[in-house]
Amino acid sequence: MSVNLHTVRAAALFASTVQGSERPTARLLQDAITATVRRLGTRGCAAVVAQQFGDHPETAVPRMRWAREHVALLVTTTRPVDPDRLRLAA
C-alpha cells in the first residue's frame, strides 16, 4: 500500500497539540508534525484521527480541514522536507 506524505503530515498535524488559535508559524507546524510522527508513528497518527472522527465528528471535521490546509500551505511555501528529518514509522 502506498502512503501519501501529504496525508501522513495532515494526520500528524491533526494528532498534534497545535491549535489553530495559536496562529502557528511554518516552523512550529513542521516541528509539530515531525515530533508527532516520531512519537506516534504513522499508524498511531491514523488511529488518533479515526478515534476523534468516531468520538467527536463535529470537531474532527474542521480540525482535519485546518490540518490539510496548513500542510498544503507548507508544501507550497517551504523548501522540501529532508527525508531523514521526517522518518515514517511502519
C-alpha atoms as a PDB file:
ATOM      1  CA  MET A   1       0.000   0.000   0.000  1.00  0.00           C
ATOM      2  CA  SER A   2       1.339   3.409  -0.950  1.00  0.00           C
ATOM      3  CA  VAL A   3       1.491   6.093   1.735  1.00  0.00           C
ATOM      4  CA  ASN A   4       0.922   9.675   0.637  1.00  0.00           C
ATOM      5  CA  LEU A   5       3.276  12.003   2.522  1.00  0.00           C
ATOM      6  CA  HIS A   6       0.700  14.808   2.395  1.00  0.00           C
ATOM      7  CA  THR A   7      -1.865  12.544   4.096  1.00  0.00           C
ATOM      8  CA  VAL A   8       0.609  11.421   6.758  1.00  0.00           C
ATOM      9  CA  ARG A   9       1.607  15.006   7.518  1.00  0.00           C
ATOM     10  CA  ALA A  10      -2.053  16.081   7.787  1.00  0.00           C
ATOM     11  CA  ALA A  11      -2.826  13.202  10.159  1.00  0.00           C
ATOM     12  CA  ALA A  12       0.226  14.066  12.251  1.00  0.00           C
ATOM     13  CA  LEU A  13      -0.762  17.724  12.461  1.00  0.00           C
ATOM     14  CA  PHE A  14      -4.313  16.682  13.351  1.00  0.00           C
ATOM     15  CA  ALA A  15      -2.963  14.441  16.138  1.00  0.00           C
ATOM     16  CA  SER A  16      -0.552  17.086  17.436  1.00  0.00           C
ATOM     17  CA  THR A  17      -1.235  19.518  20.263  1.00  0.00           C
ATOM     18  CA  VAL A  18      -1.003  22.570  17.969  1.00  0.00           C
ATOM     19  CA  GLN A  19      -4.185  24.628  17.873  1.00  0.00           C
ATOM     20  CA  GLY A  20      -5.290  26.877  15.038  1.00  0.00           C
ATOM     21  CA  SER A  21      -5.979  29.650  17.532  1.00  0.00           C
ATOM     22  CA  GLU A  22      -2.232  29.776  18.249  1.00  0.00           C
ATOM     23  CA  ARG A  23      -1.618  31.146  14.727  1.00  0.00           C
ATOM     24  CA  PRO A  24       1.324  28.754  14.347  1.00  0.00           C
ATOM     25  CA  THR A  25       4.333  29.553  12.207  1.00  0.00           C
ATOM     26  CA  ALA A  26       5.541  27.239   9.441  1.00  0.00           C
ATOM     27  CA  ARG A  27       8.449  26.209  11.668  1.00  0.00           C
ATOM     28  CA  LEU A  28       6.117  25.318  14.552  1.00  0.00           C
ATOM     29  CA  LEU A  29       3.918  23.274  12.223  1.00  0.00           C
ATOM     30  CA  GLN A  30       6.891  21.402  10.774  1.00  0.00           C
ATOM     31  CA  ASP A  31       8.277  20.696  14.236  1.00  0.00           C
ATOM     32  CA  ALA A  32       4.871  19.509  15.484  1.00  0.00           C
ATOM     33  CA  ILE A  33       4.448  17.171  12.510  1.00  0.00           C
ATOM     34  CA  THR A  34       7.924  15.708  12.986  1.00  0.00           C
ATOM     35  CA  ALA A  35       7.501  15.269  16.747  1.00  0.00           C
ATOM     36  CA  THR A  36       4.067  13.674  16.400  1.00  0.00           C
ATOM     37  CA  VAL A  37       5.210  11.172  13.760  1.00  0.00           C
ATOM     38  CA  ARG A  38       8.205  10.261  15.909  1.00  0.00           C
ATOM     39  CA  ARG A  39       6.017   9.883  19.000  1.00  0.00           C
ATOM     40  CA  LEU A  40       3.044   8.014  17.484  1.00  0.00           C
ATOM     41  CA  GLY A  41       4.262   6.676  14.137  1.00  0.00           C
ATOM     42  CA  THR A  42       2.118   6.869  11.034  1.00  0.00           C
ATOM     43  CA  ARG A  43      -0.326   4.250  12.253  1.00  0.00           C
ATOM     44  CA  GLY A  44      -0.643   5.953  15.611  1.00  0.00           C
ATOM     45  CA  CYS A  45      -1.490   9.247  13.904  1.00  0.00           C
ATOM     46  CA  ALA A  46      -4.122   7.476  11.806  1.00  0.00           C
ATOM     47  CA  ALA A  47      -5.521   5.856  14.957  1.00  0.00           C
ATOM     48  CA  VAL A  48      -5.905   9.246  16.667  1.00  0.00           C
ATOM     49  CA  VAL A  49      -7.693  10.607  13.600  1.00  0.00           C
ATOM     50  CA  ALA A  50     -10.033   7.609  13.478  1.00  0.00           C
ATOM     51  CA  GLN A  51     -10.795   7.819  17.180  1.00  0.00           C
ATOM     52  CA  GLN A  52     -11.576  11.526  17.023  1.00  0.00           C
ATOM     53  CA  PHE A  53     -13.829  11.101  13.982  1.00  0.00           C
ATOM     54  CA  GLY A  54     -15.671   8.340  15.845  1.00  0.00           C
ATOM     55  CA  ASP A  55     -15.934  10.149  19.175  1.00  0.00           C
ATOM     56  CA  HIS A  56     -16.219  13.797  18.108  1.00  0.00           C
ATOM     57  CA  PRO A  57     -17.053  14.117  14.395  1.00  0.00           C
ATOM     58  CA  GLU A  58     -18.369  17.657  14.888  1.00  0.00           C
ATOM     59  CA  THR A  59     -14.901  18.889  15.895  1.00  0.00           C
ATOM     60  CA  ALA A  60     -12.822  16.390  13.904  1.00  0.00           C
ATOM     61  CA  VAL A  61     -14.078  17.614  10.522  1.00  0.00           C
ATOM     62  CA  PRO A  62     -12.991  21.244  10.960  1.00  0.00           C
ATOM     63  CA  ARG A  63      -9.706  20.176  12.591  1.00  0.00           C
ATOM     64  CA  MET A  64      -8.840  17.900   9.655  1.00  0.00           C
ATOM     65  CA  ARG A  65      -9.787  20.657   7.220  1.00  0.00           C
ATOM     66  CA  TRP A  66      -7.444  23.001   9.118  1.00  0.00           C
ATOM     67  CA  ALA A  67      -4.651  20.404   9.154  1.00  0.00           C
ATOM     68  CA  ARG A  68      -4.939  19.656   5.422  1.00  0.00           C
ATOM     69  CA  GLU A  69      -4.998  23.351   4.521  1.00  0.00           C
ATOM     70  CA  HIS A  70      -1.910  24.071   6.595  1.00  0.00           C
ATOM     71  CA  VAL A  71       0.006  21.073   5.253  1.00  0.00           C
ATOM     72  CA  ALA A  72      -0.819  22.222   1.705  1.00  0.00           C
ATOM     73  CA  LEU A  73       0.473  25.699   2.567  1.00  0.00           C
ATOM     74  CA  LEU A  74       3.664  24.210   3.990  1.00  0.00           C
ATOM     75  CA  VAL A  75       4.273  22.333   0.762  1.00  0.00           C
ATOM     76  CA  THR A  76       3.896  25.473  -1.335  1.00  0.00           C
ATOM     77  CA  THR A  77       5.745  27.906   0.941  1.00  0.00           C
ATOM     78  CA  THR A  78       8.699  25.936   2.293  1.00  0.00           C
ATOM     79  CA  ARG A  79      11.578  24.002   0.887  1.00  0.00           C
ATOM     80  CA  PRO A  80      11.230  20.218   0.537  1.00  0.00           C
ATOM     81  CA  VAL A  81      11.391  18.214   3.750  1.00  0.00           C
ATOM     82  CA  ASP A  82      14.622  16.299   4.307  1.00  0.00           C
ATOM     83  CA  PRO A  83      13.559  12.618   4.327  1.00  0.00           C
ATOM     84  CA  ASP A  84      15.898  11.924   7.264  1.00  0.00           C
ATOM     85  CA  ARG A  85      14.079  14.563   9.321  1.00  0.00           C
ATOM     86  CA  LEU A  86      10.646  13.025   8.917  1.00  0.00           C
ATOM     87  CA  ARG A  87      11.049   9.307   9.316  1.00  0.00           C
ATOM     88  CA  LEU A  88       7.854   7.391   8.695  1.00  0.00           C
ATOM     89  CA  ALA A  89       7.257   4.637  11.204  1.00  0.00           C
ATOM     90  CA  ALA A  90       5.952   1.374   9.871  1.00  0.00           C
END
